Structure formats: structure tokens, C-alpha cells
Amino acid sequence: MDSSFNTIIEILLGISLSAAAGFRVFIPLLVLSGVSVFGHYDLPTDFDWIESIQAFDLFAIASVLEIIGYSIPWFDHALDFLATPAAMIAGTIVAASVAPDMNPLIQWTLAIVAGGGTAGITKLLTNILRGTSTAASGGLTNPIFAAVELAIATLLSFLAITFPVIAGLLVIGLFGFGIYQAAKLIKRWQTNRESRQL
């Protein structure tokens, strides 16, 4: 029972960090590296490289560059093109690094599906919202949108490390809501398009 509960916690931790990677690619890696370097979290041996000071410094530099890039209107859309696959890779890595001790094939399959999938869906939803923001404001609100994304990525990363069950359930709930809202937006867009064609 205790082992099953720990497995669920580790999966929820991986999903939460992966969702954070969908908002900002390097923030969850920076947080995971930081808590590992300073001895608050112990990663499996295969992921010792994340626990190094060099990795922490690299993730910090990459995070700063990503933050700067997303604060520039219109450039943020070009960055989204690169960040979408990068988020899926980061989501896979963080999910695999916190996954329970299991067969590597199962571990990486779970990491790709749950971690990469979660990061990919999150990134896709934020891309849709960013596009809507740009269309509505001509890009003027994009820096505000970028600041909100950064805050969510940071808070979600720390929440995942400290309270993985709460973070995981929050992510699952927000996913359901986000997918529902995206479906409504797409349906409205299709209806508007059809009415224009008449």
C-alpha cells in the first residue's frame, strides 16, 4: 500500500513538473536541479547530471534567455515554434527523473506519454491562448501573458516539489478545463467561419 501510494505521488510529481515545462521549458528543470543540488531531493543515479552545479548554471542561463525571449512581442511566436518540441523533451526528462524505480522500458514509456504528453498539451493550449492574445491586442498584451506563464511555471514547479498530490490534481483539473475551453474556442471559430461563407 505504501509503495503504491509513493508510486502515485511520484507520477503526480512528474505530471506537475511536465505541465510546468509546457509554460516554460527550463524553469522546472532549474527548480528540480536546484532542490537536488542543495540536498532537498535525491534523484536516481541515471539523473545525477541534473544534480550538478554545471547543470544548475546551464538551466539558470537558459531560463533567463527564455524569459527575455518571451517578453519580446512577435518574437515569442517564433520561440513557440522551437519551444513546443523542447517542452515535450523537458517534460519527458523531468517525468523520467522522478519516476518510481521500475523497468526502464516502462519508465521511459510512461515518461514519454505522461511527461512529454502533458508538456505538449500544456504548450499547445498556451500557444492557442497566445495567438488569441496577439489577435485581440496586436501583441501589446503578450509581455503580460508571458509574465503570467512564467509565474505559473515557477509556482507549479515549487508546488510540485513540496505538495505533489495537490499539484498533480490541480494540473489534471486545469487540463480538463483548458481542453473544454479550447474546444469551445475552436467551435466558435468554425461557426464564425461558416457564417462568413454564407
C-alpha atoms as a PDB file:
ATOM      1  CA  MET A   1       0.000   0.000   0.000  1.00  0.00           C
ATOM      2  CA  ASP A   2       2.790   2.425   0.990  1.00  0.00           C
ATOM      3  CA  SER A   3       4.731   1.535  -2.183  1.00  0.00           C
ATOM      4  CA  SER A   4       1.633   2.099  -4.365  1.00  0.00           C
ATOM      5  CA  PHE A   5       0.993   5.482  -2.728  1.00  0.00           C
ATOM      6  CA  ASN A   6       4.626   6.532  -3.300  1.00  0.00           C
ATOM      7  CA  THR A   7       4.305   5.496  -6.947  1.00  0.00           C
ATOM      8  CA  ILE A   8       1.184   7.657  -7.333  1.00  0.00           C
ATOM      9  CA  ILE A   9       2.967  10.608  -5.672  1.00  0.00           C
ATOM     10  CA  GLU A  10       5.973  10.253  -7.996  1.00  0.00           C
ATOM     11  CA  ILE A  11       3.716  10.063 -11.067  1.00  0.00           C
ATOM     12  CA  LEU A  12       1.793  13.178  -9.954  1.00  0.00           C
ATOM     13  CA  LEU A  13       5.124  14.934  -9.321  1.00  0.00           C
ATOM     14  CA  GLY A  14       6.265  14.055 -12.848  1.00  0.00           C
ATOM     15  CA  ILE A  15       2.987  15.223 -14.405  1.00  0.00           C
ATOM     16  CA  SER A  16       3.111  18.523 -12.473  1.00  0.00           C
ATOM     17  CA  LEU A  17       6.709  19.298 -13.435  1.00  0.00           C
ATOM     18  CA  SER A  18       5.921  18.336 -17.043  1.00  0.00           C
ATOM     19  CA  ALA A  19       2.957  20.717 -17.096  1.00  0.00           C
ATOM     20  CA  ALA A  20       5.273  23.463 -15.801  1.00  0.00           C
ATOM     21  CA  ALA A  21       7.613  22.691 -18.726  1.00  0.00           C
ATOM     22  CA  GLY A  22       4.697  23.473 -21.032  1.00  0.00           C
ATOM     23  CA  PHE A  23       4.647  27.024 -19.655  1.00  0.00           C
ATOM     24  CA  ARG A  24       8.441  27.499 -19.556  1.00  0.00           C
ATOM     25  CA  VAL A  25      10.823  24.806 -20.773  1.00  0.00           C
ATOM     26  CA  PHE A  26      13.718  25.394 -18.391  1.00  0.00           C
ATOM     27  CA  ILE A  27      12.042  26.557 -15.153  1.00  0.00           C
ATOM     28  CA  PRO A  28      11.055  23.068 -13.887  1.00  0.00           C
ATOM     29  CA  LEU A  29      14.491  21.723 -14.826  1.00  0.00           C
ATOM     30  CA  LEU A  30      16.085  24.645 -12.937  1.00  0.00           C
ATOM     31  CA  VAL A  31      13.897  24.045  -9.859  1.00  0.00           C
ATOM     32  CA  LEU A  32      14.480  20.270  -9.921  1.00  0.00           C
ATOM     33  CA  SER A  33      18.218  20.806 -10.341  1.00  0.00           C
ATOM     34  CA  GLY A  34      18.273  23.411  -7.567  1.00  0.00           C
ATOM     35  CA  VAL A  35      16.453  21.305  -4.980  1.00  0.00           C
ATOM     36  CA  SER A  36      18.694  18.359  -5.895  1.00  0.00           C
ATOM     37  CA  VAL A  37      21.950  20.340  -5.766  1.00  0.00           C
ATOM     38  CA  PHE A  38      21.057  21.794  -2.364  1.00  0.00           C
ATOM     39  CA  GLY A  39      20.137  18.370  -0.988  1.00  0.00           C
ATOM     40  CA  HIS A  40      16.361  18.672  -0.715  1.00  0.00           C
ATOM     41  CA  TYR A  41      15.575  15.994  -3.302  1.00  0.00           C
ATOM     42  CA  ASP A  42      17.505  12.885  -4.307  1.00  0.00           C
ATOM     43  CA  LEU A  43      17.359  11.880  -7.963  1.00  0.00           C
ATOM     44  CA  PRO A  44      18.101   8.376  -9.295  1.00  0.00           C
ATOM     45  CA  THR A  45      21.702   7.632 -10.282  1.00  0.00           C
ATOM     46  CA  ASP A  46      20.884   7.880 -14.007  1.00  0.00           C
ATOM     47  CA  PHE A  47      19.980  11.535 -13.468  1.00  0.00           C
ATOM     48  CA  ASP A  48      22.987  12.608 -11.385  1.00  0.00           C
ATOM     49  CA  TRP A  49      23.851  15.072 -14.153  1.00  0.00           C
ATOM     50  CA  ILE A  50      20.794  17.150 -13.169  1.00  0.00           C
ATOM     51  CA  GLU A  51      22.201  17.363  -9.613  1.00  0.00           C
ATOM     52  CA  SER A  52      25.424  19.016 -10.788  1.00  0.00           C
ATOM     53  CA  ILE A  53      26.261  22.700 -10.322  1.00  0.00           C
ATOM     54  CA  GLN A  54      27.076  22.858 -14.052  1.00  0.00           C
ATOM     55  CA  ALA A  55      23.542  21.711 -14.957  1.00  0.00           C
ATOM     56  CA  PHE A  56      22.048  24.177 -12.469  1.00  0.00           C
ATOM     57  CA  ASP A  57      24.053  27.047 -14.007  1.00  0.00           C
ATOM     58  CA  LEU A  58      23.114  25.965 -17.537  1.00  0.00           C
ATOM     59  CA  PHE A  59      19.397  25.754 -16.668  1.00  0.00           C
ATOM     60  CA  ALA A  60      19.608  29.181 -14.978  1.00  0.00           C
ATOM     61  CA  ILE A  61      21.154  30.796 -18.075  1.00  0.00           C
ATOM     62  CA  ALA A  62      18.664  29.053 -20.383  1.00  0.00           C
ATOM     63  CA  SER A  63      15.774  30.186 -18.151  1.00  0.00           C
ATOM     64  CA  VAL A  64      16.907  33.830 -18.275  1.00  0.00           C
ATOM     65  CA  LEU A  65      17.258  33.716 -22.080  1.00  0.00           C
ATOM     66  CA  GLU A  66      13.822  32.098 -22.393  1.00  0.00           C
ATOM     67  CA  ILE A  67      12.259  34.757 -20.135  1.00  0.00           C
ATOM     68  CA  ILE A  68      13.834  37.558 -22.201  1.00  0.00           C
ATOM     69  CA  GLY A  69      12.741  35.942 -25.478  1.00  0.00           C
ATOM     70  CA  TYR A  70       9.123  35.617 -24.375  1.00  0.00           C
ATOM     71  CA  SER A  71       8.969  39.259 -23.281  1.00  0.00           C
ATOM     72  CA  ILE A  72       9.513  40.459 -26.870  1.00  0.00           C
ATOM     73  CA  PRO A  73       6.213  40.730 -28.809  1.00  0.00           C
ATOM     74  CA  TRP A  74       6.080  38.735 -32.065  1.00  0.00           C
ATOM     75  CA  PHE A  75       9.432  37.059 -31.303  1.00  0.00           C
ATOM     76  CA  ASP A  76       7.546  34.992 -28.733  1.00  0.00           C
ATOM     77  CA  HIS A  77       5.627  33.274 -31.550  1.00  0.00           C
ATOM     78  CA  ALA A  78       8.870  32.243 -33.246  1.00  0.00           C
ATOM     79  CA  LEU A  79      10.083  30.980 -29.878  1.00  0.00           C
ATOM     80  CA  ASP A  80       6.893  28.914 -29.506  1.00  0.00           C
ATOM     81  CA  PHE A  81       7.832  27.043 -32.682  1.00  0.00           C
ATOM     82  CA  LEU A  82      11.090  25.884 -31.047  1.00  0.00           C
ATOM     83  CA  ALA A  83       9.746  25.620 -27.508  1.00  0.00           C
ATOM     84  CA  THR A  84       6.945  23.153 -28.318  1.00  0.00           C
ATOM     85  CA  PRO A  85       9.212  20.156 -29.069  1.00  0.00           C
ATOM     86  CA  ALA A  86      11.672  21.347 -26.406  1.00  0.00           C
ATOM     87  CA  ALA A  87       8.870  21.371 -23.808  1.00  0.00           C
ATOM     88  CA  MET A  88       7.953  17.793 -24.722  1.00  0.00           C
ATOM     89  CA  ILE A  89      11.590  16.719 -24.304  1.00  0.00           C
ATOM     90  CA  ALA A  90      11.888  18.583 -20.981  1.00  0.00           C
ATOM     91  CA  GLY A  91       8.598  17.070 -19.807  1.00  0.00           C
ATOM     92  CA  THR A  92       9.860  13.598 -20.658  1.00  0.00           C
ATOM     93  CA  ILE A  93      13.151  14.184 -18.814  1.00  0.00           C
ATOM     94  CA  VAL A  94      11.581  15.539 -15.618  1.00  0.00           C
ATOM     95  CA  ALA A  95       8.951  12.777 -15.588  1.00  0.00           C
ATOM     96  CA  ALA A  96      11.608  10.079 -16.066  1.00  0.00           C
ATOM     97  CA  SER A  97      13.880  11.603 -13.418  1.00  0.00           C
ATOM     98  CA  VAL A  98      11.212  11.454 -10.702  1.00  0.00           C
ATOM     99  CA  ALA A  99       9.577   8.210 -11.879  1.00  0.00           C
ATOM    100  CA  PRO A 100       9.425   5.321  -9.429  1.00  0.00           C
ATOM    101  CA  ASP A 101      12.066   2.598  -9.597  1.00  0.00           C
ATOM    102  CA  MET A 102      10.802   0.339 -12.381  1.00  0.00           C
ATOM    103  CA  ASN A 103      11.733  -1.408 -15.599  1.00  0.00           C
ATOM    104  CA  PRO A 104      13.466   1.216 -17.829  1.00  0.00           C
ATOM    105  CA  LEU A 105      11.155   0.416 -20.754  1.00  0.00           C
ATOM    106  CA  ILE A 106       8.075   1.114 -18.617  1.00  0.00           C
ATOM    107  CA  GLN A 107       9.758   4.142 -17.013  1.00  0.00           C
ATOM    108  CA  TRP A 108      10.571   5.821 -20.334  1.00  0.00           C
ATOM    109  CA  THR A 109       7.259   4.862 -21.949  1.00  0.00           C
ATOM    110  CA  LEU A 110       5.425   6.421 -19.003  1.00  0.00           C
ATOM    111  CA  ALA A 111       7.729   9.464 -19.139  1.00  0.00           C
ATOM    112  CA  ILE A 112       7.132   9.990 -22.867  1.00  0.00           C
ATOM    113  CA  VAL A 113       3.360   9.516 -22.672  1.00  0.00           C
ATOM    114  CA  ALA A 114       2.609  11.216 -19.333  1.00  0.00           C
ATOM    115  CA  GLY A 115       5.523  13.675 -19.191  1.00  0.00           C
ATOM    116  CA  GLY A 116       6.027  14.587 -22.833  1.00  0.00           C
ATOM    117  CA  GLY A 117       2.284  14.415 -23.492  1.00  0.00           C
ATOM    118  CA  THR A 118       1.431  16.672 -20.552  1.00  0.00           C
ATOM    119  CA  ALA A 119       4.068  19.231 -21.544  1.00  0.00           C
ATOM    120  CA  GLY A 120       2.954  19.087 -25.184  1.00  0.00           C
ATOM    121  CA  ILE A 121      -0.737  19.613 -24.370  1.00  0.00           C
ATOM    122  CA  THR A 122       0.094  22.458 -21.978  1.00  0.00           C
ATOM    123  CA  LYS A 123       2.290  24.116 -24.603  1.00  0.00           C
ATOM    124  CA  LEU A 124      -0.387  23.691 -27.273  1.00  0.00           C
ATOM    125  CA  LEU A 125      -3.008  25.325 -25.039  1.00  0.00           C
ATOM    126  CA  THR A 126      -0.699  28.243 -24.205  1.00  0.00           C
ATOM    127  CA  ASN A 127       0.103  28.658 -27.918  1.00  0.00           C
ATOM    128  CA  ILE A 128      -3.636  28.939 -28.664  1.00  0.00           C
ATOM    129  CA  LEU A 129      -4.083  31.480 -25.861  1.00  0.00           C
ATOM    130  CA  ARG A 130      -1.037  33.467 -27.003  1.00  0.00           C
ATOM    131  CA  GLY A 131      -2.408  33.561 -30.561  1.00  0.00           C
ATOM    132  CA  THR A 132      -5.745  34.814 -29.232  1.00  0.00           C
ATOM    133  CA  SER A 133      -3.939  37.435 -27.134  1.00  0.00           C
ATOM    134  CA  THR A 134      -1.964  38.630 -30.166  1.00  0.00           C
ATOM    135  CA  ALA A 135      -5.064  38.785 -32.367  1.00  0.00           C
ATOM    136  CA  ALA A 136      -7.002  40.752 -29.750  1.00  0.00           C
ATOM    137  CA  SER A 137      -4.282  43.256 -28.818  1.00  0.00           C
ATOM    138  CA  GLY A 138      -1.863  43.286 -31.742  1.00  0.00           C
ATOM    139  CA  GLY A 139       0.779  41.786 -29.449  1.00  0.00           C
ATOM    140  CA  LEU A 140       0.605  44.520 -26.795  1.00  0.00           C
ATOM    141  CA  THR A 141      -0.606  42.137 -24.072  1.00  0.00           C
ATOM    142  CA  ASN A 142       1.934  39.420 -24.918  1.00  0.00           C
ATOM    143  CA  PRO A 143       4.507  40.549 -22.298  1.00  0.00           C
ATOM    144  CA  ILE A 144       1.769  40.355 -19.642  1.00  0.00           C
ATOM    145  CA  PHE A 145       0.796  36.912 -20.914  1.00  0.00           C
ATOM    146  CA  ALA A 146       4.487  35.900 -20.773  1.00  0.00           C
ATOM    147  CA  ALA A 147       4.771  37.121 -17.164  1.00  0.00           C
ATOM    148  CA  VAL A 148       1.700  35.089 -16.176  1.00  0.00           C
ATOM    149  CA  GLU A 149       3.154  31.986 -17.865  1.00  0.00           C
ATOM    150  CA  LEU A 150       6.442  32.484 -16.005  1.00  0.00           C
ATOM    151  CA  ALA A 151       4.643  32.857 -12.674  1.00  0.00           C
ATOM    152  CA  ILE A 152       2.589  29.702 -13.291  1.00  0.00           C
ATOM    153  CA  ALA A 153       5.675  27.692 -14.331  1.00  0.00           C
ATOM    154  CA  THR A 154       7.592  28.809 -11.232  1.00  0.00           C
ATOM    155  CA  LEU A 155       4.754  28.333  -8.739  1.00  0.00           C
ATOM    156  CA  LEU A 156       3.741  24.988 -10.232  1.00  0.00           C
ATOM    157  CA  SER A 157       7.341  23.717 -10.127  1.00  0.00           C
ATOM    158  CA  PHE A 158       7.730  24.586  -6.438  1.00  0.00           C
ATOM    159  CA  LEU A 159       4.244  23.294  -5.609  1.00  0.00           C
ATOM    160  CA  ALA A 160       5.065  20.014  -7.381  1.00  0.00           C
ATOM    161  CA  ILE A 161       8.215  19.555  -5.302  1.00  0.00           C
ATOM    162  CA  THR A 162       6.576  20.433  -1.972  1.00  0.00           C
ATOM    163  CA  PHE A 163       2.997  19.146  -2.448  1.00  0.00           C
ATOM    164  CA  PRO A 164       2.982  16.781  -5.454  1.00  0.00           C
ATOM    165  CA  VAL A 165      -0.526  15.405  -4.848  1.00  0.00           C
ATOM    166  CA  ILE A 166      -2.095  18.887  -4.736  1.00  0.00           C
ATOM    167  CA  ALA A 167      -0.078  19.998  -7.772  1.00  0.00           C
ATOM    168  CA  GLY A 168      -0.962  16.856  -9.721  1.00  0.00           C
ATOM    169  CA  LEU A 169      -4.685  17.118  -9.018  1.00  0.00           C
ATOM    170  CA  LEU A 170      -4.589  20.840  -9.852  1.00  0.00           C
ATOM    171  CA  VAL A 171      -2.923  20.098 -13.200  1.00  0.00           C
ATOM    172  CA  ILE A 172      -5.444  17.366 -14.043  1.00  0.00           C
ATOM    173  CA  GLY A 173      -8.336  19.707 -13.172  1.00  0.00           C
ATOM    174  CA  LEU A 174      -6.883  22.590 -15.178  1.00  0.00           C
ATOM    175  CA  PHE A 175      -6.274  20.264 -18.111  1.00  0.00           C
ATOM    176  CA  GLY A 176      -9.914  19.291 -18.195  1.00  0.00           C
ATOM    177  CA  PHE A 177     -10.966  22.942 -18.018  1.00  0.00           C
ATOM    178  CA  GLY A 178      -8.378  24.029 -20.613  1.00  0.00           C
ATOM    179  CA  ILE A 179      -9.361  21.347 -23.108  1.00  0.00           C
ATOM    180  CA  TYR A 180     -13.038  22.247 -22.642  1.00  0.00           C
ATOM    181  CA  GLN A 181     -12.303  25.957 -23.236  1.00  0.00           C
ATOM    182  CA  ALA A 182     -10.114  25.191 -26.273  1.00  0.00           C
ATOM    183  CA  ALA A 183     -12.888  23.043 -27.767  1.00  0.00           C
ATOM    184  CA  LYS A 184     -15.375  25.907 -27.234  1.00  0.00           C
ATOM    185  CA  LEU A 185     -12.972  28.365 -28.869  1.00  0.00           C
ATOM    186  CA  ILE A 186     -12.436  26.113 -31.891  1.00  0.00           C
ATOM    187  CA  LYS A 187     -16.184  25.529 -32.236  1.00  0.00           C
ATOM    188  CA  ARG A 188     -16.853  29.291 -32.090  1.00  0.00           C
ATOM    189  CA  TRP A 189     -14.160  29.909 -34.707  1.00  0.00           C
ATOM    190  CA  GLN A 190     -15.676  27.269 -37.012  1.00  0.00           C
ATOM    191  CA  THR A 191     -19.170  28.724 -36.549  1.00  0.00           C
ATOM    192  CA  ASN A 192     -17.917  32.235 -37.377  1.00  0.00           C
ATOM    193  CA  ARG A 193     -16.107  30.935 -40.432  1.00  0.00           C
ATOM    194  CA  GLU A 194     -19.174  29.084 -41.689  1.00  0.00           C
ATOM    195  CA  SER A 195     -21.402  32.140 -41.151  1.00  0.00           C
ATOM    196  CA  ARG A 196     -18.977  34.300 -43.170  1.00  0.00           C
ATOM    197  CA  GLN A 197     -19.086  31.843 -46.060  1.00  0.00           C
ATOM    198  CA  LEU A 198     -22.900  32.091 -46.303  1.00  0.00           C
END
